[in-house]
Amino acid sequence: MVEDKITTIKLRGSTREKLAEQGKKGESYDEILNKLLDIMKEKEQCKRDGNR
């Protein structure tokens, strides 16, 4: 199994706040970002399949 390293990314404070608004209490930024990336991936797949 590949070990996932913890990293840091630079964000503006306003971007951090927008991310926090998308999450639930206690949800990490990693969880929020992964959720948003999954949604984007699903939308892209729907576009490719012609199901907007």
Protein backbone atom coordinates (compact mmCIF):
# COMPACT_ATOMS: atom_id res chain seq x y z
CA MET A 1 0.00 0.00 0.00
CA VAL A 2 1.30 3.45 -0.92
CA GLU A 3 1.74 5.78 2.02
CA ASP A 4 -0.08 9.11 1.65
CA LYS A 5 2.20 11.88 2.83
CA ILE A 6 0.71 14.93 4.48
CA THR A 7 1.54 18.08 2.52
CA THR A 8 0.69 21.75 2.68
CA ILE A 9 -0.75 24.00 0.01
CA LYS A 10 -0.89 27.78 0.03
CA LEU A 11 -4.37 29.27 -0.07
CA ARG A 12 -5.68 32.77 0.29
CA GLY A 13 -7.77 33.28 3.39
CA SER A 14 -10.85 33.85 1.24
CA THR A 15 -10.29 30.51 -0.53
CA ARG A 16 -9.93 28.76 2.82
CA GLU A 17 -13.22 30.25 3.96
CA LYS A 18 -14.98 29.11 0.77
CA LEU A 19 -13.67 25.59 1.36
CA ALA A 20 -14.85 25.65 4.96
CA GLU A 21 -18.34 26.67 3.79
CA GLN A 22 -18.50 23.55 1.62
CA GLY A 23 -17.70 21.18 4.45
CA LYS A 24 -19.48 19.89 7.49
CA LYS A 25 -18.38 20.48 11.07
CA GLY A 26 -15.35 18.34 11.83
CA GLU A 27 -14.66 17.57 8.16
CA SER A 28 -11.03 18.09 7.16
CA TYR A 29 -9.96 20.18 4.18
CA ASP A 30 -8.65 16.96 2.65
CA GLU A 31 -12.14 15.44 2.88
CA ILE A 32 -13.78 18.58 1.48
CA LEU A 33 -11.37 18.78 -1.45
CA ASN A 34 -11.77 15.09 -2.26
CA LYS A 35 -15.56 15.42 -2.17
CA LEU A 36 -15.42 18.39 -4.55
CA LEU A 37 -12.98 16.60 -6.87
CA ASP A 38 -15.30 13.56 -6.97
CA ILE A 39 -18.22 15.81 -7.93
CA MET A 40 -16.16 17.41 -10.70
CA LYS A 41 -15.11 13.99 -11.98
CA GLU A 42 -18.74 12.79 -12.05
CA LYS A 43 -19.86 15.93 -13.92
CA GLU A 44 -17.07 15.51 -16.47
CA GLN A 45 -18.05 11.86 -17.00
CA CYS A 46 -21.69 12.89 -17.53
CA LYS A 47 -20.60 15.46 -20.12
CA ARG A 48 -18.61 12.81 -21.97
CA ASP A 49 -21.58 10.45 -21.85
CA GLY A 50 -23.95 13.18 -23.05
CA ASN A 51 -25.97 13.27 -19.82
CA ARG A 52 -25.71 16.86 -18.67
